[in-house]
Amino acid sequence: MELLELHNITKRYPGVTALDNVSISFREGEVHALVGENGAGKSTFIKTISGAVQPNEGEIVFDGATYSHLTPQKSLELGISVVYQEMIQFEAMSVADNLFMSDGSDAGLFVNEAERNKKAAELLQKFQCHVSPRTWVRELSMANRQIVEICKAILRNARVLILDEPTASITVEEQRRLFDVIRDLKARGVTIIYISHRLDELFEICDRVSILRDGKYIDTVNIADTDKQGLIKLMVGRELSENYPVKDNKPSDEVVLEVNNLSGNGVRDISFQLHKGEILGFAGLVGAGRTELMHLIYGAAGIEAGTVTMNGQQLSIRTPSDAMKAGIGLIPEDRKWQGCFLDKPIFWNVSISNIKELCRGAFVDRKKEMDQAREYGNRMRIKAPNLTVNAGALSGGNQQKVVIAKSLASLPDILIFDEPTRGIDIGARYEIYQLMIDLTKEGKSILMVSSDMEELLGMSERIVVLHEGQQTGTIEKPDFSQERVLALASGIA
């Protein structure tokens, strides 16, 4: 039975058609994947379903009733919930407060905190999420934040649950638990619309898959009737024979960065060397301390003990500005809140890290600023009508390219890539991988944090593994295996 149908949906913005006559239907109790490259129209499509976007043309049919458009309130009333990749939460409030904020259970004058916390704990336990309902959301890992959002949707008795890149920042074990929950919801008749760039997992959890490309509907196929290469061809309009570009240059013996017994920010006694032209991977389960370690090196957190030496000279890094002056750049995991100024133009984002070099006296030389933005925009192949477009209007992949361009403009010798392709489609991923390899050919060196096992094994020369803030091993390329990485990341090897 078709529960949700979208017919001939068209959405235009000035200078661009985000959706062009798209029609897709979703059956009750199915897991239906929606895939496409960044900019294909997926975000606009799900926002149309959630009521955040009103189409210019078309209609929406839900459980037999026809609507020209939905509002956010009407969407919730119908039982449609969305767990967005970039979650909107009350960070300075507890998990329980976030869960029950809008469910209407506290309509009286007083809140029964004990009952609320009990219900929250029971719900979290179903996900094997061992956090206190009293914990502030800002203290949670990205994975546990995701779980809170899914719990919130369940509390609203969702009939349609849209999951936007749900596995982008969670571990293999947490993914297994999530899939168990999805199967349970499916058995209860809930329709799951599943958006992911990790194509392998679609074959484990999904029934059908619909493909968008450049705002147009391409096809809907049964997942059992296709394969990964078939999906890629439908998504990008061509075949990609390899997931990773060939890296034919080898790192030199020259050590450009040496970390000795570094402690602070939740990690302790970390030591490693980074060679010129090397991509050094960092693996670990959520909460292992990988990002926390990068923040120490970048000056975003205080070092309690240990040393960081660059090109033979010990550094005193207390702020990110110190790191940038030393020649260290960071592409952070959370591009929307830490990497991009969403309400600022592309050219402004690219130039902000290098603004002093673009000034003539007290004023910015606008020609130099635009020339620099154009140079890096072309190098990164940023897809936008022009460089005056705000970064917030770009697709996720293009926002990531803006963040990389901003970092490159400060001319670093060492780049920290924290989850470089999180939420990015396979075509844009390949471009970013090629860029990383090209940077190493120029003599730059890369520290890469990734939760994507294939990415770690495919891009790294060596992999440093962390477990609960401590280093459990370093794996050389000839010894790479998923089993070895997971054993060290679990603390059992």
Protein backbone atom coordinates (compact mmCIF):
# COMPACT_ATOMS: atom_id res chain seq x y z
CA MET A 1 0.00 0.00 0.00
CA GLU A 2 1.31 3.42 -0.95
CA LEU A 3 1.37 5.59 2.18
CA LEU A 4 3.14 8.66 0.78
CA GLU A 5 3.21 9.85 -2.83
CA LEU A 6 4.79 12.94 -4.36
CA HIS A 7 3.58 13.80 -7.84
CA ASN A 8 5.35 16.13 -10.31
CA ILE A 9 7.13 18.11 -7.59
CA THR A 10 9.00 21.15 -8.91
CA LYS A 11 10.89 23.65 -6.77
CA ARG A 12 12.65 26.66 -8.26
CA TYR A 13 15.03 29.09 -6.62
CA PRO A 14 16.52 32.18 -8.31
CA GLY A 15 18.90 30.84 -10.94
CA VAL A 16 18.40 27.16 -10.16
CA THR A 17 15.74 24.44 -10.32
CA ALA A 18 16.29 22.23 -7.28
CA LEU A 19 13.56 19.71 -8.20
CA ASP A 20 12.26 19.24 -11.73
CA ASN A 21 8.96 17.31 -12.05
CA VAL A 22 9.91 14.62 -9.49
CA SER A 23 7.45 11.81 -8.69
CA ILE A 24 8.24 9.12 -6.09
CA SER A 25 5.95 6.96 -3.94
CA PHE A 26 6.69 5.19 -0.65
CA ARG A 27 4.96 2.06 0.63
CA GLU A 28 3.80 1.45 4.16
CA GLY A 29 6.35 -0.55 6.14
CA GLU A 30 9.23 -0.37 3.67
CA VAL A 31 12.78 0.95 3.94
CA HIS A 32 13.16 3.13 0.85
CA ALA A 33 16.56 4.63 0.06
CA LEU A 34 16.96 8.00 -1.63
CA VAL A 35 20.35 8.51 -3.26
CA GLY A 36 22.09 10.99 -5.53
CA GLU A 37 25.15 13.19 -5.64
CA ASN A 38 25.30 16.36 -3.56
CA GLY A 39 23.15 18.90 -5.36
CA ALA A 40 20.89 16.18 -6.79
CA GLY A 41 17.90 17.55 -4.86
CA LYS A 42 17.65 15.12 -1.94
CA SER A 43 17.60 17.81 0.76
CA THR A 44 14.94 19.85 -1.05
CA PHE A 45 12.89 16.69 -1.54
CA ILE A 46 12.84 15.70 2.12
CA LYS A 47 12.19 19.30 3.16
CA THR A 48 9.17 19.23 0.86
CA ILE A 49 7.91 16.17 2.73
CA SER A 50 8.59 17.75 6.13
CA GLY A 51 6.91 21.04 5.15
CA ALA A 52 10.07 23.12 5.40
CA VAL A 53 9.88 23.83 1.64
CA GLN A 54 6.77 24.55 -0.42
CA PRO A 55 6.97 23.37 -4.04
CA ASN A 56 6.08 25.62 -6.96
CA GLU A 57 4.22 22.78 -8.65
CA GLY A 58 3.00 19.28 -7.85
CA GLU A 59 1.04 17.60 -5.08
CA ILE A 60 1.59 15.40 -2.04
CA VAL A 61 -0.70 12.46 -1.23
CA PHE A 62 -0.57 11.06 2.30
CA ASP A 63 -2.76 8.10 3.25
CA GLY A 64 -5.20 8.98 0.46
CA ALA A 65 -5.50 12.71 1.24
CA THR A 66 -4.10 15.21 -1.28
CA TYR A 67 -2.19 18.39 -0.37
CA SER A 68 -0.67 21.12 -2.54
CA HIS A 69 2.00 21.45 0.13
CA LEU A 70 2.64 20.63 3.79
CA THR A 71 3.66 22.84 6.68
CA PRO A 72 6.03 21.65 9.42
CA GLN A 73 3.10 21.46 11.85
CA LYS A 74 0.90 19.53 9.43
CA SER A 75 3.73 17.16 8.62
CA LEU A 76 4.18 16.34 12.31
CA GLU A 77 0.42 15.91 12.73
CA LEU A 78 0.42 13.36 9.91
CA GLY A 79 3.22 11.45 11.64
CA ILE A 80 6.19 12.49 9.51
CA SER A 81 9.47 12.95 11.39
CA VAL A 82 12.93 13.81 10.08
CA VAL A 83 16.27 13.11 11.72
CA TYR A 84 18.55 15.50 9.85
CA GLN A 85 22.27 14.92 9.43
CA GLU A 86 22.96 18.35 10.93
CA MET A 87 20.82 18.02 14.04
CA ILE A 88 19.01 20.95 15.65
CA GLN A 89 18.98 20.35 19.40
CA PHE A 90 18.83 22.27 22.67
CA GLU A 91 22.45 21.68 23.64
CA ALA A 92 22.23 23.35 27.07
CA MET A 93 19.31 21.14 28.09
CA SER A 94 19.18 17.53 29.23
CA VAL A 95 18.52 14.50 27.07
CA ALA A 96 15.11 14.05 28.74
CA ASP A 97 14.20 17.72 28.15
CA ASN A 98 15.07 17.36 24.46
CA LEU A 99 13.03 14.17 24.13
CA PHE A 100 9.86 15.49 25.75
CA MET A 101 10.09 19.15 24.70
CA SER A 102 7.20 19.03 22.27
CA ASP A 103 5.28 15.84 23.03
CA GLY A 104 2.64 17.55 25.17
CA SER A 105 3.14 15.28 28.18
CA ASP A 106 3.87 18.21 30.49
CA ALA A 107 0.80 20.30 29.80
CA GLY A 108 0.29 21.11 33.50
CA LEU A 109 2.05 23.64 35.65
CA PHE A 110 4.69 21.26 36.93
CA VAL A 111 7.07 18.80 35.28
CA ASN A 112 7.34 15.34 36.80
CA GLU A 113 11.10 14.99 36.30
CA ALA A 114 11.33 11.56 37.90
CA GLU A 115 8.70 10.11 35.55
CA ARG A 116 10.18 11.90 32.56
CA ASN A 117 13.70 10.61 33.31
CA LYS A 118 12.36 7.09 33.83
CA LYS A 119 10.62 7.09 30.44
CA ALA A 120 13.70 8.56 28.76
CA ALA A 121 15.97 5.93 30.33
CA GLU A 122 13.69 3.11 29.16
CA LEU A 123 13.65 4.46 25.61
CA LEU A 124 17.41 4.98 25.49
CA GLN A 125 17.92 1.46 26.83
CA LYS A 126 16.14 0.04 23.77
CA PHE A 127 19.01 1.48 21.74
CA GLN A 128 21.59 0.24 24.24
CA CYS A 129 22.45 3.92 24.68
CA HIS A 130 24.02 4.11 28.13
CA VAL A 131 23.75 7.81 28.89
CA SER A 132 21.89 9.44 31.75
CA PRO A 133 18.65 11.25 30.81
CA ARG A 134 20.02 14.13 32.91
CA THR A 135 23.12 14.54 30.71
CA TRP A 136 23.25 17.76 28.74
CA VAL A 137 23.03 17.15 25.00
CA ARG A 138 26.18 19.18 24.34
CA GLU A 139 28.15 16.54 26.27
CA LEU A 140 27.03 13.70 23.99
CA SER A 141 28.94 12.19 21.11
CA MET A 142 27.55 12.64 17.60
CA ALA A 143 26.31 9.03 17.68
CA ASN A 144 24.36 9.49 20.89
CA ARG A 145 22.90 12.77 19.64
CA GLN A 146 21.60 10.83 16.65
CA ILE A 147 20.00 8.28 18.93
CA VAL A 148 18.25 11.03 20.91
CA GLU A 149 16.72 12.36 17.68
CA ILE A 150 15.49 8.93 16.63
CA CYS A 151 13.99 8.42 20.09
CA LYS A 152 12.21 11.77 19.75
CA ALA A 153 10.65 10.63 16.47
CA ILE A 154 9.50 7.37 18.06
CA LEU A 155 7.84 9.34 20.88
CA ARG A 156 5.86 11.23 18.24
CA ASN A 157 4.51 7.91 16.90
CA ALA A 158 6.02 8.55 13.50
CA ARG A 159 4.38 6.81 10.53
CA VAL A 160 7.11 8.05 8.19
CA LEU A 161 10.65 8.41 9.55
CA ILE A 162 13.22 10.13 7.35
CA LEU A 163 16.83 9.35 8.28
CA ASP A 164 19.38 11.70 6.70
CA GLU A 165 22.86 10.12 6.72
CA PRO A 166 22.17 8.26 10.00
CA THR A 167 25.45 6.31 9.99
CA ALA A 168 27.77 9.19 9.06
CA SER A 169 29.25 9.51 12.56
CA ILE A 170 28.56 6.21 14.30
CA THR A 171 30.55 3.03 14.77
CA VAL A 172 30.01 -0.38 13.20
CA GLU A 173 28.42 -1.65 16.41
CA GLU A 174 26.14 1.37 16.69
CA GLN A 175 25.16 0.88 13.04
CA ARG A 176 24.17 -2.71 13.82
CA ARG A 177 21.95 -1.50 16.68
CA LEU A 178 20.43 1.18 14.46
CA PHE A 179 19.59 -1.40 11.79
CA ASP A 180 17.92 -3.57 14.45
CA VAL A 181 15.75 -0.59 15.40
CA ILE A 182 14.92 0.12 11.75
CA ARG A 183 13.84 -3.51 11.24
CA ASP A 184 11.65 -3.28 14.34
CA LEU A 185 10.01 -0.06 13.11
CA LYS A 186 9.49 -1.59 9.67
CA ALA A 187 7.78 -4.61 11.24
CA ARG A 188 5.39 -2.20 12.98
CA GLY A 189 4.46 -0.63 9.64
CA VAL A 190 6.60 2.50 9.84
CA THR A 191 7.87 3.74 6.48
CA ILE A 192 11.59 4.59 6.56
CA ILE A 193 13.05 6.97 3.97
CA TYR A 194 16.78 6.30 4.19
CA ILE A 195 19.33 8.75 2.78
CA SER A 196 22.96 7.68 2.70
CA HIS A 197 26.12 8.00 0.64
CA ARG A 198 27.38 4.71 2.04
CA LEU A 199 25.98 2.51 -0.68
CA ASP A 200 27.07 -0.81 0.83
CA GLU A 201 24.69 -0.46 3.75
CA LEU A 202 21.69 0.04 1.45
CA PHE A 203 21.93 -3.61 0.43
CA GLU A 204 21.71 -4.65 4.08
CA ILE A 205 18.72 -2.61 5.21
CA CYS A 206 16.70 -1.25 2.24
CA ASP A 207 13.92 -2.69 0.08
CA ARG A 208 13.88 -0.18 -2.77
CA VAL A 209 16.01 2.76 -3.85
CA SER A 210 15.12 5.91 -5.82
CA ILE A 211 17.78 7.94 -7.60
CA LEU A 212 17.89 11.70 -8.20
CA ARG A 213 20.37 13.46 -10.46
CA ASP A 214 20.61 17.23 -11.01
CA GLY A 215 17.13 17.74 -9.55
CA LYS A 216 15.51 15.12 -11.81
CA TYR A 217 14.03 11.73 -10.99
CA ILE A 218 16.04 8.96 -12.65
CA ASP A 219 14.58 5.62 -11.52
CA THR A 220 13.30 3.46 -8.65
CA VAL A 221 14.65 -0.10 -8.43
CA ASN A 222 14.36 -3.03 -6.08
CA ILE A 223 17.56 -3.27 -4.09
CA ALA A 224 17.70 -7.01 -4.86
CA ASP A 225 17.78 -6.24 -8.58
CA THR A 226 20.83 -3.97 -8.65
CA ASP A 227 24.37 -3.69 -7.34
CA LYS A 228 26.72 -0.94 -6.17
CA GLN A 229 28.15 -0.17 -9.61
CA GLY A 230 24.65 -0.05 -11.07
CA LEU A 231 23.60 2.52 -8.47
CA ILE A 232 26.73 4.61 -9.04
CA LYS A 233 26.08 4.70 -12.78
CA LEU A 234 22.49 5.88 -12.18
CA MET A 235 23.67 8.50 -9.68
CA VAL A 236 26.53 10.07 -11.60
CA GLY A 237 25.55 9.18 -15.18
CA ARG A 238 28.79 7.32 -15.72
CA GLU A 239 30.77 4.42 -14.29
CA LEU A 240 33.41 4.92 -11.61
CA SER A 241 35.73 1.95 -11.89
CA GLU A 242 37.68 2.76 -8.74
CA ASN A 243 36.56 4.17 -5.38
CA TYR A 244 39.97 5.74 -4.69
CA PRO A 245 42.45 7.48 -7.00
CA VAL A 246 45.84 5.87 -7.42
CA LYS A 247 48.43 7.40 -5.08
CA ASP A 248 51.66 6.79 -6.96
CA ASN A 249 53.83 9.10 -4.84
CA LYS A 250 55.46 7.75 -1.69
CA PRO A 251 56.04 9.70 1.54
CA SER A 252 59.62 10.72 2.14
CA ASP A 253 61.66 9.75 5.22
CA GLU A 254 61.58 13.38 6.37
CA VAL A 255 59.59 13.81 9.59
CA VAL A 256 57.55 17.02 9.46
CA LEU A 257 55.54 16.53 12.66
CA GLU A 258 56.43 14.61 15.80
CA VAL A 259 54.07 14.20 18.74
CA ASN A 260 55.54 12.84 21.97
CA ASN A 261 53.51 11.71 25.01
CA LEU A 262 50.78 14.26 24.29
CA SER A 263 48.05 14.48 26.96
CA GLY A 264 45.01 16.64 27.54
CA ASN A 265 41.42 17.06 26.34
CA GLY A 266 40.62 13.44 27.22
CA VAL A 267 43.64 11.77 25.58
CA ARG A 268 46.91 10.71 27.20
CA ASP A 269 50.41 9.72 26.18
CA ILE A 270 49.91 9.84 22.41
CA SER A 271 53.06 9.60 20.26
CA PHE A 272 53.47 9.42 16.49
CA GLN A 273 55.45 10.82 13.55
CA LEU A 274 54.09 12.30 10.32
CA HIS A 275 56.27 12.18 7.21
CA LYS A 276 56.38 14.64 4.35
CA GLY A 277 53.84 13.67 1.68
CA GLU A 278 52.08 11.16 3.95
CA ILE A 279 48.40 10.62 4.69
CA LEU A 280 48.37 9.31 8.27
CA GLY A 281 44.99 7.86 9.27
CA PHE A 282 43.48 7.88 12.76
CA ALA A 283 40.97 5.18 13.66
CA GLY A 284 38.87 4.51 16.73
CA LEU A 285 35.34 4.03 17.93
CA VAL A 286 33.18 7.01 18.80
CA GLY A 287 34.61 8.56 21.98
CA ALA A 288 38.11 7.20 21.36
CA GLY A 289 39.59 10.71 21.36
CA ARG A 290 40.58 11.18 17.71
CA THR A 291 39.00 14.62 17.27
CA GLU A 292 40.11 15.61 20.76
CA LEU A 293 43.70 14.78 19.79
CA MET A 294 43.45 16.90 16.64
CA HIS A 295 42.12 19.81 18.70
CA LEU A 296 45.21 19.59 20.92
CA ILE A 297 47.50 19.76 17.90
CA TYR A 298 45.52 22.62 16.41
CA GLY A 299 45.40 24.65 19.63
CA ALA A 300 41.64 24.35 20.10
CA ALA A 301 42.21 22.66 23.48
CA GLY A 302 44.91 22.96 26.12
CA ILE A 303 47.90 20.60 26.24
CA GLU A 304 48.52 19.22 29.72
CA ALA A 305 51.73 17.29 28.97
CA GLY A 306 53.90 16.25 26.05
CA THR A 307 55.35 18.05 23.05
CA VAL A 308 54.52 18.83 19.42
CA THR A 309 57.55 19.33 17.16
CA MET A 310 57.33 20.57 13.58
CA ASN A 311 60.32 20.42 11.26
CA GLY A 312 62.60 19.87 14.25
CA GLN A 313 61.31 22.86 16.21
CA GLN A 314 59.15 22.43 19.29
CA LEU A 315 55.91 24.37 18.99
CA SER A 316 54.06 26.34 21.62
CA ILE A 317 50.49 26.17 20.34
CA ARG A 318 47.88 27.72 22.60
CA THR A 319 45.32 28.85 20.02
CA PRO A 320 44.26 27.92 16.48
CA SER A 321 45.93 31.15 15.36
CA ASP A 322 49.24 29.79 16.67
CA ALA A 323 48.70 26.58 14.68
CA MET A 324 47.89 28.46 11.50
CA LYS A 325 51.01 30.60 11.86
CA ALA A 326 53.05 27.43 12.29
CA GLY A 327 51.58 26.04 9.06
CA ILE A 328 48.85 23.70 10.37
CA GLY A 329 45.34 23.83 8.92
CA LEU A 330 42.14 22.11 10.06
CA ILE A 331 39.12 20.91 8.09
CA PRO A 332 36.76 20.13 11.00
CA GLU A 333 34.20 17.34 11.26
CA ASP A 334 31.24 19.69 11.67
CA ARG A 335 31.52 21.91 8.60
CA LYS A 336 28.26 23.78 9.25
CA TRP A 337 29.13 25.01 12.75
CA GLN A 338 32.92 24.91 12.84
CA GLY A 339 34.03 25.10 9.22
CA CYS A 340 31.74 27.45 7.29
CA PHE A 341 30.16 30.81 7.92
CA LEU A 342 26.86 29.79 6.36
CA ASP A 343 25.47 33.32 6.19
CA LYS A 344 28.56 34.68 4.41
CA PRO A 345 29.49 34.49 0.70
CA ILE A 346 31.89 31.93 -0.69
CA PHE A 347 34.60 34.51 -1.34
CA TRP A 348 34.35 35.76 2.27
CA ASN A 349 34.70 32.21 3.64
CA VAL A 350 37.76 31.49 1.49
CA SER A 351 39.56 34.70 2.42
CA ILE A 352 38.83 34.93 6.15
CA SER A 353 41.76 32.70 7.22
CA ASN A 354 44.18 34.78 5.16
CA ILE A 355 42.60 38.21 5.46
CA LYS A 356 45.71 40.05 6.68
CA GLU A 357 47.55 39.14 3.47
CA LEU A 358 44.72 40.65 1.44
CA CYS A 359 44.68 44.01 3.18
CA ARG A 360 46.03 47.25 1.84
CA GLY A 361 46.47 49.31 4.99
CA ALA A 362 43.26 49.11 7.01
CA PHE A 363 41.13 47.97 4.06
CA VAL A 364 40.68 44.68 2.23
CA ASP A 365 41.85 44.69 -1.38
CA ARG A 366 38.64 43.36 -2.94
CA LYS A 367 40.28 42.47 -6.24
CA LYS A 368 42.93 40.34 -4.52
CA GLU A 369 40.21 38.79 -2.36
CA MET A 370 38.08 37.84 -5.37
CA ASP A 371 41.10 36.63 -7.35
CA GLN A 372 42.10 34.36 -4.48
CA ALA A 373 38.56 33.05 -4.06
CA ARG A 374 38.33 32.42 -7.80
CA GLU A 375 41.65 30.55 -7.78
CA TYR A 376 40.66 28.21 -4.96
CA GLY A 377 37.07 27.95 -6.16
CA ASN A 378 38.31 26.71 -9.53
CA ARG A 379 40.84 24.40 -7.93
CA MET A 380 38.17 22.87 -5.69
CA ARG A 381 35.58 22.80 -8.50
CA ILE A 382 33.02 24.47 -6.26
CA LYS A 383 29.65 24.35 -8.00
CA ALA A 384 27.84 27.67 -7.49
CA PRO A 385 26.31 30.35 -9.72
CA ASN A 386 28.99 32.77 -8.51
CA LEU A 387 31.30 33.46 -5.56
CA THR A 388 28.87 35.89 -3.93
CA VAL A 389 26.43 33.07 -3.08
CA ASN A 390 26.21 32.35 0.65
CA ALA A 391 27.86 29.09 1.72
CA GLY A 392 24.61 28.00 3.37
CA ALA A 393 22.97 27.75 -0.07
CA LEU A 394 25.47 25.13 -1.27
CA SER A 395 25.19 21.35 -1.15
CA GLY A 396 27.09 19.49 1.56
CA GLY A 397 29.88 18.46 -0.78
CA ASN A 398 30.39 22.01 -2.00
CA GLN A 399 30.34 23.36 1.56
CA GLN A 400 33.13 20.90 2.35
CA LYS A 401 35.08 22.20 -0.65
CA VAL A 402 34.68 25.76 0.66
CA VAL A 403 36.07 24.67 4.05
CA ILE A 404 39.07 23.05 2.35
CA ALA A 405 39.61 26.13 0.17
CA LYS A 406 39.54 28.34 3.28
CA SER A 407 42.20 26.21 4.92
CA LEU A 408 44.39 26.03 1.81
CA ALA A 409 44.30 29.81 1.44
CA SER A 410 46.33 30.10 4.66
CA LEU A 411 49.10 28.08 2.90
CA PRO A 412 49.55 25.27 5.48
CA ASP A 413 52.17 22.54 5.23
CA ILE A 414 50.15 20.13 7.38
CA LEU A 415 46.41 19.63 7.00
CA ILE A 416 44.10 17.93 9.48
CA PHE A 417 41.10 16.35 7.74
CA ASP A 418 38.51 15.33 10.38
CA GLU A 419 35.91 13.11 8.67
CA PRO A 420 36.74 14.60 5.23
CA THR A 421 33.82 13.01 3.35
CA ARG A 422 31.12 12.81 6.02
CA GLY A 423 27.77 13.10 4.25
CA ILE A 424 29.34 13.60 0.83
CA ASP A 425 28.33 11.71 -2.31
CA ILE A 426 30.60 9.26 -4.08
CA GLY A 427 31.44 11.60 -6.98
CA ALA A 428 32.42 14.49 -4.70
CA ARG A 429 34.30 12.06 -2.46
CA TYR A 430 36.50 11.02 -5.36
CA GLU A 431 37.30 14.66 -6.10
CA ILE A 432 38.28 15.28 -2.46
CA TYR A 433 40.40 12.14 -2.39
CA GLN A 434 42.17 13.28 -5.56
CA LEU A 435 42.74 16.69 -4.01
CA MET A 436 44.28 15.10 -0.90
CA ILE A 437 46.63 13.04 -3.07
CA ASP A 438 47.54 16.10 -5.15
CA LEU A 439 48.37 17.98 -1.93
CA THR A 440 50.77 15.23 -0.86
CA LYS A 441 52.42 15.43 -4.29
CA GLU A 442 53.04 19.12 -3.54
CA GLY A 443 54.87 18.08 -0.38
CA LYS A 444 52.06 18.68 2.09
CA SER A 445 51.23 16.14 4.78
CA ILE A 446 47.83 15.06 6.08
CA LEU A 447 46.40 13.81 9.37
CA MET A 448 43.08 12.12 8.52
CA VAL A 449 40.44 11.14 11.09
CA SER A 450 37.75 8.89 9.63
CA SER A 451 34.97 6.61 10.85
CA ASP A 452 34.70 5.10 7.37
CA MET A 453 36.72 1.89 7.40
CA GLU A 454 37.04 1.70 3.61
CA GLU A 455 38.26 5.30 3.53
CA LEU A 456 40.90 4.63 6.18
CA LEU A 457 42.19 1.54 4.41
CA GLY A 458 41.96 3.12 0.96
CA MET A 459 43.64 6.46 1.65
CA SER A 460 46.11 6.01 4.52
CA GLU A 461 49.80 5.05 4.40
CA ARG A 462 49.68 4.14 8.09
CA ILE A 463 46.88 4.07 10.66
CA VAL A 464 47.16 5.15 14.31
CA VAL A 465 44.44 3.49 16.41
CA LEU A 466 42.98 4.95 19.62
CA HIS A 467 40.80 3.40 22.31
CA GLU A 468 39.28 5.41 25.16
CA GLY A 469 41.82 8.19 24.81
CA GLN A 470 44.88 5.97 24.56
CA GLN A 471 46.95 4.76 21.63
CA THR A 472 46.62 1.02 21.10
CA GLY A 473 48.78 0.63 18.02
CA THR A 474 50.03 1.84 14.65
CA ILE A 475 49.37 -0.32 11.59
CA GLU A 476 51.64 -0.27 8.54
CA LYS A 477 50.03 -0.52 5.09
CA PRO A 478 51.12 -4.13 4.39
CA ASP A 479 49.30 -5.17 7.58
CA PHE A 480 46.05 -3.29 6.87
CA SER A 481 42.84 -5.21 7.58
CA GLN A 482 39.45 -4.27 8.93
CA GLU A 483 39.73 -6.95 11.59
CA ARG A 484 43.08 -5.60 12.85
CA VAL A 485 41.78 -2.03 13.05
CA LEU A 486 38.60 -3.06 14.90
CA ALA A 487 40.53 -5.25 17.34
CA LEU A 488 42.83 -2.36 18.30
CA ALA A 489 39.94 0.12 18.36
CA SER A 490 38.04 -2.17 20.73
CA GLY A 491 41.00 -2.49 23.07
CA ILE A 492 41.19 -6.26 22.70
CA ALA A 493 44.43 -6.54 20.71
